[in-house]
Amino acid sequence: MGNFIDKTFTVIADILLKVLPASKQEKQAFSYYRAGMAAQSNGKYAEALENYYEALQVEEDPYDRSYTLYNIGLIYGNIGNNSQALEYYHQALELNSNLPQSLNNIAVIYHS
């Protein structure tokens, strides 16, 4: 089921990139983000991190940056680096206080 969802997301994302008015920089940031998500879902964390860091280099929108930072936090949490995960979850919340999944993951780390 996950593979179908990933493929569907990719098709929809490609359509949105073509249809929606976005700058070249915004499209580039989204492409990196999308590549990071694909790598992350396949367990390729180093590749995902590379793409997320590239997305952060070109993404200017704080809301979009918050989700990239959140996903970086997820990766660090998955590999057991809780201090790095917390750092990225907090950075995500600084940009987007309406990110309850970051708050939840922070609580889980402190609870464990």
Protein backbone atom coordinates (compact mmCIF):
# COMPACT_ATOMS: atom_id res chain seq x y z
CA MET A 1 0.00 0.00 0.00
CA GLY A 2 2.83 2.42 0.85
CA ASN A 3 4.35 2.09 -2.60
CA PHE A 4 1.01 3.02 -4.21
CA ILE A 5 0.76 6.07 -1.96
CA ASP A 6 4.35 7.11 -2.77
CA LYS A 7 3.70 6.79 -6.51
CA THR A 8 0.41 8.67 -6.22
CA PHE A 9 2.11 11.46 -4.27
CA THR A 10 4.83 11.69 -6.93
CA VAL A 11 2.30 11.97 -9.75
CA ILE A 12 0.27 14.60 -7.89
CA ALA A 13 3.42 16.51 -6.96
CA ASP A 14 4.58 16.56 -10.59
CA ILE A 15 1.21 17.90 -11.69
CA LEU A 16 1.23 20.58 -8.99
CA LEU A 17 4.74 21.67 -9.96
CA LYS A 18 3.56 22.17 -13.54
CA VAL A 19 0.22 23.82 -12.76
CA LEU A 20 0.82 26.04 -9.75
CA PRO A 21 2.66 29.31 -10.13
CA ALA A 22 5.96 28.83 -8.37
CA SER A 23 9.41 30.26 -8.83
CA LYS A 24 12.28 28.13 -10.03
CA GLN A 25 13.70 28.27 -6.50
CA GLU A 26 10.43 27.07 -4.96
CA LYS A 27 10.21 24.21 -7.44
CA GLN A 28 13.81 23.25 -6.73
CA ALA A 29 13.19 23.26 -2.97
CA PHE A 30 10.11 21.09 -3.42
CA SER A 31 12.00 18.67 -5.65
CA TYR A 32 14.65 18.22 -2.97
CA TYR A 33 11.96 17.82 -0.32
CA ARG A 34 10.13 15.23 -2.39
CA ALA A 35 13.36 13.31 -3.05
CA GLY A 36 14.07 13.39 0.67
CA MET A 37 10.64 11.99 1.46
CA ALA A 38 11.07 9.19 -1.06
CA ALA A 39 14.49 8.24 0.31
CA GLN A 40 13.22 8.44 3.89
CA SER A 41 10.28 6.16 3.17
CA ASN A 42 12.73 3.62 1.72
CA GLY A 43 14.97 3.78 4.78
CA LYS A 44 17.76 5.60 2.93
CA TYR A 45 18.34 8.10 5.70
CA ALA A 46 21.69 9.50 4.54
CA GLU A 47 20.24 10.24 1.11
CA ALA A 48 17.12 11.74 2.67
CA LEU A 49 19.19 14.01 4.89
CA GLU A 50 21.24 15.21 1.91
CA ASN A 51 18.06 16.14 0.07
CA TYR A 52 16.48 17.82 3.08
CA TYR A 53 19.62 19.88 3.71
CA GLU A 54 19.61 20.92 0.05
CA ALA A 55 15.94 21.90 0.36
CA LEU A 56 16.78 24.06 3.38
CA GLN A 57 19.45 25.87 1.34
CA VAL A 58 16.90 27.10 -1.20
CA GLU A 59 13.58 27.11 0.68
CA GLU A 60 12.62 30.50 2.07
CA ASP A 61 9.06 29.89 3.22
CA PRO A 62 9.05 29.33 7.02
CA TYR A 63 6.05 27.00 6.89
CA ASP A 64 7.67 24.74 4.29
CA ARG A 65 11.02 24.88 6.10
CA SER A 66 9.27 23.70 9.29
CA TYR A 67 8.20 20.44 7.64
CA THR A 68 11.69 19.84 6.29
CA LEU A 69 13.15 20.41 9.76
CA TYR A 70 10.51 18.11 11.25
CA ASN A 71 11.42 15.33 8.81
CA ILE A 72 15.11 15.74 9.65
CA GLY A 73 14.13 15.35 13.29
CA LEU A 74 12.25 12.16 12.44
CA ILE A 75 15.34 10.68 10.82
CA TYR A 76 17.57 11.51 13.77
CA GLY A 77 14.96 10.02 16.10
CA ASN A 78 14.77 6.86 14.00
CA ILE A 79 18.54 6.35 14.18
CA GLY A 80 18.55 6.94 17.93
CA ASN A 81 20.13 10.39 17.98
CA ASN A 82 17.52 11.96 20.25
CA SER A 83 19.49 15.14 21.00
CA GLN A 84 19.68 15.97 17.28
CA ALA A 85 16.03 15.02 16.84
CA LEU A 86 15.02 17.40 19.63
CA GLU A 87 17.06 20.20 18.09
CA TYR A 88 15.28 19.86 14.75
CA TYR A 89 11.83 19.46 16.30
CA HIS A 90 12.37 22.69 18.24
CA GLN A 91 13.60 24.49 15.12
CA ALA A 92 10.48 23.32 13.28
CA LEU A 93 8.27 24.63 16.07
CA GLU A 94 10.01 28.01 16.02
CA LEU A 95 8.90 28.40 12.41
CA ASN A 96 5.50 26.75 12.77
CA SER A 97 3.92 26.56 16.22
CA ASN A 98 1.02 24.57 14.74
CA LEU A 99 3.05 21.41 14.30
CA PRO A 100 1.59 19.05 16.93
CA GLN A 101 3.56 16.09 15.63
CA SER A 102 6.77 17.84 16.69
CA LEU A 103 5.36 18.41 20.17
CA ASN A 104 4.28 14.78 20.34
CA ASN A 105 7.70 13.51 19.31
CA ILE A 106 9.43 15.77 21.81
CA ALA A 107 7.17 14.35 24.54
CA VAL A 108 7.90 10.79 23.43
CA ILE A 109 11.65 11.40 23.62
CA TYR A 110 11.42 12.92 27.09
CA HIS A 111 9.10 10.15 28.26
CA SER A 112 11.46 7.37 27.16
